[in-house]
Amino acid sequence: MNRRLQTLSRLGAVVLLAFTGANATAKERYTPAEREVLGVVDALFNAMAKHDVGASRKLILSGAGFMAVNPDGTAQMKRDTDYLDSLAQHKEAFHERIWNPKVLVQGGIAQVWAPYDFHRDGKFSHCGIDSFSLVRSGKDWQVASVSYTVQKLGCAPSPLDKSR
C-alpha cells in the first residue's frame, strides 16, 4: 500500500471511529483489517467532498458499479467512469457520513454496511443505507461496488448530528 493511502486509511479509520461515538473501548470494536477497510471508505468520502477525481480513481477498482435504489424501488446503475465524470462536473459541497458500520472481512474481500446521510451545500439532502464491496488489489483495498438506498423523507436522526 503506498504511503499516502496508508496515511489516508489510518486517518480515515480514526475519523470514522470518532464519528461512531468512539471511546476508550471502541478501538477494540473493529479489528485492524476492519479499520483498514473503513479507512478506505472514509478516504473515498473525503475525496468526494474535495471533488478529487484522482484520489477517487485510486480508491475505486476499474469497472466498479454504483447502484442507487430510489424510494419508488427503481434502481439506477452507474459505472466508475460515470461516477468520476459526475464528481468532476458538480461544484456543490458534498458531505456524506456513515455511522455504526457493520464490517466483514475475509481474505481479499470486505463488506461495509451502514446507515448514512448526505448533505449538499451544507443542507440535508437524503439518507439511506450504504453497502460497499471492497477487494484487495495487490496490497491496497479498493471499492468494487457501492449500492445505496435513497430516502428523502422519514430519515431517522443521525447520532452524529443532534440538530436534525
C-alpha atoms as a PDB file:
ATOM      1  CA  MET A   1       0.000   0.000   0.000  1.00  0.00           C
ATOM      2  CA  ASN A   2       1.506   3.338  -0.917  1.00  0.00           C
ATOM      3  CA  ARG A   3       2.405   5.699   1.922  1.00  0.00           C
ATOM      4  CA  ARG A   4      -0.332   8.268   1.077  1.00  0.00           C
ATOM      5  CA  LEU A   5      -3.084   5.652   1.007  1.00  0.00           C
ATOM      6  CA  GLN A   6      -1.788   4.158   4.278  1.00  0.00           C
ATOM      7  CA  THR A   7      -1.956   7.589   5.886  1.00  0.00           C
ATOM      8  CA  LEU A   8      -5.436   8.216   4.458  1.00  0.00           C
ATOM      9  CA  SER A   9      -6.566   4.800   5.675  1.00  0.00           C
ATOM     10  CA  ARG A  10      -5.267   5.384   9.186  1.00  0.00           C
ATOM     11  CA  LEU A  11      -6.664   8.904   9.367  1.00  0.00           C
ATOM     12  CA  GLY A  12      -9.949   7.738   7.919  1.00  0.00           C
ATOM     13  CA  ALA A  13     -10.255   4.975  10.489  1.00  0.00           C
ATOM     14  CA  VAL A  14      -9.522   7.403  13.309  1.00  0.00           C
ATOM     15  CA  VAL A  15     -12.054   9.919  11.979  1.00  0.00           C
ATOM     16  CA  LEU A  16     -14.634   7.218  11.385  1.00  0.00           C
ATOM     17  CA  LEU A  17     -14.195   5.831  14.878  1.00  0.00           C
ATOM     18  CA  ALA A  18     -14.650   9.333  16.267  1.00  0.00           C
ATOM     19  CA  PHE A  19     -17.865   9.681  14.269  1.00  0.00           C
ATOM     20  CA  THR A  20     -19.182   6.365  15.561  1.00  0.00           C
ATOM     21  CA  GLY A  21     -19.037   7.597  19.132  1.00  0.00           C
ATOM     22  CA  ALA A  22     -15.639   6.105  19.861  1.00  0.00           C
ATOM     23  CA  ASN A  23     -14.407   5.920  23.393  1.00  0.00           C
ATOM     24  CA  ALA A  24     -11.556   4.046  25.005  1.00  0.00           C
ATOM     25  CA  THR A  25     -13.155   0.672  24.213  1.00  0.00           C
ATOM     26  CA  ALA A  26     -14.340   1.487  20.676  1.00  0.00           C
ATOM     27  CA  LYS A  27     -10.907   0.760  19.249  1.00  0.00           C
ATOM     28  CA  GLU A  28     -11.490  -2.885  20.125  1.00  0.00           C
ATOM     29  CA  ARG A  29     -14.814  -2.805  18.273  1.00  0.00           C
ATOM     30  CA  TYR A  30     -13.009  -3.264  14.942  1.00  0.00           C
ATOM     31  CA  THR A  31     -10.080  -5.453  14.023  1.00  0.00           C
ATOM     32  CA  PRO A  32      -7.077  -3.865  12.301  1.00  0.00           C
ATOM     33  CA  ALA A  33      -8.299  -5.258   8.951  1.00  0.00           C
ATOM     34  CA  GLU A  34     -11.773  -3.804   9.535  1.00  0.00           C
ATOM     35  CA  ARG A  35     -10.277  -0.416  10.437  1.00  0.00           C
ATOM     36  CA  GLU A  36      -8.208  -0.519   7.255  1.00  0.00           C
ATOM     37  CA  VAL A  37     -11.330  -1.151   5.147  1.00  0.00           C
ATOM     38  CA  LEU A  38     -13.248   1.600   6.956  1.00  0.00           C
ATOM     39  CA  GLY A  39     -10.337   3.934   6.298  1.00  0.00           C
ATOM     40  CA  VAL A  40     -10.712   3.356   2.553  1.00  0.00           C
ATOM     41  CA  VAL A  41     -14.440   4.153   2.724  1.00  0.00           C
ATOM     42  CA  ASP A  42     -13.685   7.301   4.683  1.00  0.00           C
ATOM     43  CA  ALA A  43     -10.926   8.262   2.218  1.00  0.00           C
ATOM     44  CA  LEU A  44     -13.477   7.895  -0.587  1.00  0.00           C
ATOM     45  CA  PHE A  45     -15.857  10.243   1.255  1.00  0.00           C
ATOM     46  CA  ASN A  46     -13.021  12.731   1.764  1.00  0.00           C
ATOM     47  CA  ALA A  47     -12.097  12.591  -1.930  1.00  0.00           C
ATOM     48  CA  MET A  48     -15.759  13.086  -2.853  1.00  0.00           C
ATOM     49  CA  ALA A  49     -16.008  16.117  -0.561  1.00  0.00           C
ATOM     50  CA  LYS A  50     -12.981  17.639  -2.300  1.00  0.00           C
ATOM     51  CA  HIS A  51     -14.163  16.608  -5.797  1.00  0.00           C
ATOM     52  CA  ASP A  52     -10.767  14.936  -6.089  1.00  0.00           C
ATOM     53  CA  VAL A  53     -11.157  12.687  -9.112  1.00  0.00           C
ATOM     54  CA  GLY A  54      -7.538  11.479  -8.966  1.00  0.00           C
ATOM     55  CA  ALA A  55      -7.765  10.329  -5.358  1.00  0.00           C
ATOM     56  CA  SER A  56     -11.174   8.760  -6.028  1.00  0.00           C
ATOM     57  CA  ARG A  57      -9.841   6.879  -9.049  1.00  0.00           C
ATOM     58  CA  LYS A  58      -7.096   5.313  -6.889  1.00  0.00           C
ATOM     59  CA  LEU A  59      -9.669   4.096  -4.371  1.00  0.00           C
ATOM     60  CA  ILE A  60     -12.135   2.668  -6.911  1.00  0.00           C
ATOM     61  CA  LEU A  61     -11.497  -0.516  -8.864  1.00  0.00           C
ATOM     62  CA  SER A  62     -11.713  -0.025 -12.629  1.00  0.00           C
ATOM     63  CA  GLY A  63     -15.188  -1.112 -13.770  1.00  0.00           C
ATOM     64  CA  ALA A  64     -16.751  -0.682 -10.310  1.00  0.00           C
ATOM     65  CA  GLY A  65     -20.512  -0.295 -10.174  1.00  0.00           C
ATOM     66  CA  PHE A  66     -22.609   2.273  -8.315  1.00  0.00           C
ATOM     67  CA  MET A  67     -26.246   1.306  -7.751  1.00  0.00           C
ATOM     68  CA  ALA A  68     -28.787   3.732  -6.308  1.00  0.00           C
ATOM     69  CA  VAL A  69     -32.155   2.350  -5.245  1.00  0.00           C
ATOM     70  CA  ASN A  70     -34.763   5.110  -5.205  1.00  0.00           C
ATOM     71  CA  PRO A  71     -37.736   5.382  -2.825  1.00  0.00           C
ATOM     72  CA  ASP A  72     -40.066   4.018  -5.538  1.00  0.00           C
ATOM     73  CA  GLY A  73     -37.884   0.914  -5.890  1.00  0.00           C
ATOM     74  CA  THR A  74     -36.347   1.845  -9.224  1.00  0.00           C
ATOM     75  CA  ALA A  75     -32.607   1.431  -9.496  1.00  0.00           C
ATOM     76  CA  GLN A  76     -30.021   3.485 -11.333  1.00  0.00           C
ATOM     77  CA  MET A  77     -26.718   1.875 -12.259  1.00  0.00           C
ATOM     78  CA  LYS A  78     -23.560   3.857 -12.965  1.00  0.00           C
ATOM     79  CA  ARG A  79     -20.035   2.726 -13.688  1.00  0.00           C
ATOM     80  CA  ASP A  80     -16.891   4.101 -12.094  1.00  0.00           C
ATOM     81  CA  THR A  81     -16.317   6.399 -15.077  1.00  0.00           C
ATOM     82  CA  ASP A  82     -19.844   7.859 -14.737  1.00  0.00           C
ATOM     83  CA  TYR A  83     -19.243   8.497 -11.048  1.00  0.00           C
ATOM     84  CA  LEU A  84     -15.872  10.148 -11.672  1.00  0.00           C
ATOM     85  CA  ASP A  85     -17.252  12.309 -14.509  1.00  0.00           C
ATOM     86  CA  SER A  86     -20.153  13.420 -12.305  1.00  0.00           C
ATOM     87  CA  LEU A  87     -17.789  14.171  -9.428  1.00  0.00           C
ATOM     88  CA  ALA A  88     -15.685  16.394 -11.694  1.00  0.00           C
ATOM     89  CA  GLN A  89     -18.715  18.260 -13.088  1.00  0.00           C
ATOM     90  CA  HIS A  90     -20.552  19.029  -9.847  1.00  0.00           C
ATOM     91  CA  LYS A  91     -19.399  22.033  -7.877  1.00  0.00           C
ATOM     92  CA  GLU A  92     -21.658  21.740  -4.823  1.00  0.00           C
ATOM     93  CA  ALA A  93     -20.141  20.919  -1.456  1.00  0.00           C
ATOM     94  CA  PHE A  94     -20.744  17.219  -0.724  1.00  0.00           C
ATOM     95  CA  HIS A  95     -20.654  15.703   2.734  1.00  0.00           C
ATOM     96  CA  GLU A  96     -21.533  12.057   3.285  1.00  0.00           C
ATOM     97  CA  ARG A  97     -21.107  10.253   6.573  1.00  0.00           C
ATOM     98  CA  ILE A  98     -21.872   6.831   7.950  1.00  0.00           C
ATOM     99  CA  TRP A  99     -22.272   5.553  11.481  1.00  0.00           C
ATOM    100  CA  ASN A 100     -22.401   2.188  13.258  1.00  0.00           C
ATOM    101  CA  PRO A 101     -20.910   0.326  10.287  1.00  0.00           C
ATOM    102  CA  LYS A 102     -21.062  -3.439  10.102  1.00  0.00           C
ATOM    103  CA  VAL A 103     -17.822  -4.686   8.595  1.00  0.00           C
ATOM    104  CA  LEU A 104     -16.985  -8.141   7.282  1.00  0.00           C
ATOM    105  CA  VAL A 105     -13.507  -9.055   6.060  1.00  0.00           C
ATOM    106  CA  GLN A 106     -12.410 -12.434   4.772  1.00  0.00           C
ATOM    107  CA  GLY A 107      -9.169 -12.771   2.891  1.00  0.00           C
ATOM    108  CA  GLY A 108      -9.226 -10.330  -0.010  1.00  0.00           C
ATOM    109  CA  ILE A 109     -12.891  -9.299   0.157  1.00  0.00           C
ATOM    110  CA  ALA A 110     -14.765  -6.999   2.504  1.00  0.00           C
ATOM    111  CA  GLN A 111     -18.247  -5.574   3.032  1.00  0.00           C
ATOM    112  CA  VAL A 112     -19.255  -2.400   4.827  1.00  0.00           C
ATOM    113  CA  TRP A 113     -22.951  -1.815   5.550  1.00  0.00           C
ATOM    114  CA  ALA A 114     -24.048   1.340   7.347  1.00  0.00           C
ATOM    115  CA  PRO A 115     -26.733   3.983   7.640  1.00  0.00           C
ATOM    116  CA  TYR A 116     -25.686   7.262   6.041  1.00  0.00           C
ATOM    117  CA  ASP A 117     -26.767  10.791   5.426  1.00  0.00           C
ATOM    118  CA  PHE A 118     -25.777  13.077   2.601  1.00  0.00           C
ATOM    119  CA  HIS A 119     -25.546  16.850   2.660  1.00  0.00           C
ATOM    120  CA  ARG A 120     -25.272  19.117  -0.379  1.00  0.00           C
ATOM    121  CA  ASP A 121     -24.025  22.665   0.132  1.00  0.00           C
ATOM    122  CA  GLY A 122     -24.449  22.245   3.890  1.00  0.00           C
ATOM    123  CA  LYS A 123     -28.114  21.194   3.643  1.00  0.00           C
ATOM    124  CA  PHE A 124     -29.516  17.755   4.309  1.00  0.00           C
ATOM    125  CA  SER A 125     -30.315  16.030   1.008  1.00  0.00           C
ATOM    126  CA  HIS A 126     -31.147  12.396   1.799  1.00  0.00           C
ATOM    127  CA  CYS A 127     -30.303   9.345   3.871  1.00  0.00           C
ATOM    128  CA  GLY A 128     -30.343   5.592   3.498  1.00  0.00           C
ATOM    129  CA  ILE A 129     -28.108   2.562   3.710  1.00  0.00           C
ATOM    130  CA  ASP A 130     -24.676   2.355   2.080  1.00  0.00           C
ATOM    131  CA  SER A 131     -23.288  -1.038   1.108  1.00  0.00           C
ATOM    132  CA  PHE A 132     -19.655  -1.130  -0.034  1.00  0.00           C
ATOM    133  CA  SER A 133     -17.922  -4.162  -1.514  1.00  0.00           C
ATOM    134  CA  LEU A 134     -14.151  -3.931  -1.452  1.00  0.00           C
ATOM    135  CA  VAL A 135     -11.420  -6.174  -2.800  1.00  0.00           C
ATOM    136  CA  ARG A 136      -7.754  -6.265  -2.034  1.00  0.00           C
ATOM    137  CA  SER A 137      -5.954  -5.337  -5.234  1.00  0.00           C
ATOM    138  CA  GLY A 138      -2.304  -6.125  -4.643  1.00  0.00           C
ATOM    139  CA  LYS A 139      -1.589  -4.580  -1.239  1.00  0.00           C
ATOM    140  CA  ASP A 140      -4.387  -1.974  -1.395  1.00  0.00           C
ATOM    141  CA  TRP A 141      -8.092  -2.216  -0.733  1.00  0.00           C
ATOM    142  CA  GLN A 142     -10.279  -0.785  -3.497  1.00  0.00           C
ATOM    143  CA  VAL A 143     -14.013  -0.239  -3.798  1.00  0.00           C
ATOM    144  CA  ALA A 144     -15.506  -2.799  -6.207  1.00  0.00           C
ATOM    145  CA  SER A 145     -19.108  -1.624  -5.890  1.00  0.00           C
ATOM    146  CA  VAL A 146     -21.356   0.686  -3.939  1.00  0.00           C
ATOM    147  CA  SER A 147     -25.078   0.111  -3.541  1.00  0.00           C
ATOM    148  CA  TYR A 148     -27.220   2.545  -1.617  1.00  0.00           C
ATOM    149  CA  THR A 149     -30.795   3.403  -0.908  1.00  0.00           C
ATOM    150  CA  VAL A 150     -32.020   6.972  -1.322  1.00  0.00           C
ATOM    151  CA  GLN A 151     -34.580   8.170   1.204  1.00  0.00           C
ATOM    152  CA  LYS A 152     -35.672  11.808   1.281  1.00  0.00           C
ATOM    153  CA  LEU A 153     -38.413  11.574   3.920  1.00  0.00           C
ATOM    154  CA  GLY A 154     -38.666   9.788   7.249  1.00  0.00           C
ATOM    155  CA  CYS A 155     -34.939   9.703   7.922  1.00  0.00           C
ATOM    156  CA  ALA A 156     -34.034   8.821  11.470  1.00  0.00           C
ATOM    157  CA  PRO A 157     -31.878  11.473  13.121  1.00  0.00           C
ATOM    158  CA  SER A 158     -28.190  10.798  12.786  1.00  0.00           C
ATOM    159  CA  PRO A 159     -26.355  10.132  16.047  1.00  0.00           C
ATOM    160  CA  LEU A 160     -23.599  12.317  14.559  1.00  0.00           C
ATOM    161  CA  ASP A 161     -25.732  15.450  14.479  1.00  0.00           C
ATOM    162  CA  LYS A 162     -28.289  16.054  17.175  1.00  0.00           C
ATOM    163  CA  SER A 163     -29.520  19.242  15.430  1.00  0.00           C
ATOM    164  CA  ARG A 164     -31.676  17.409  12.856  1.00  0.00           C
END
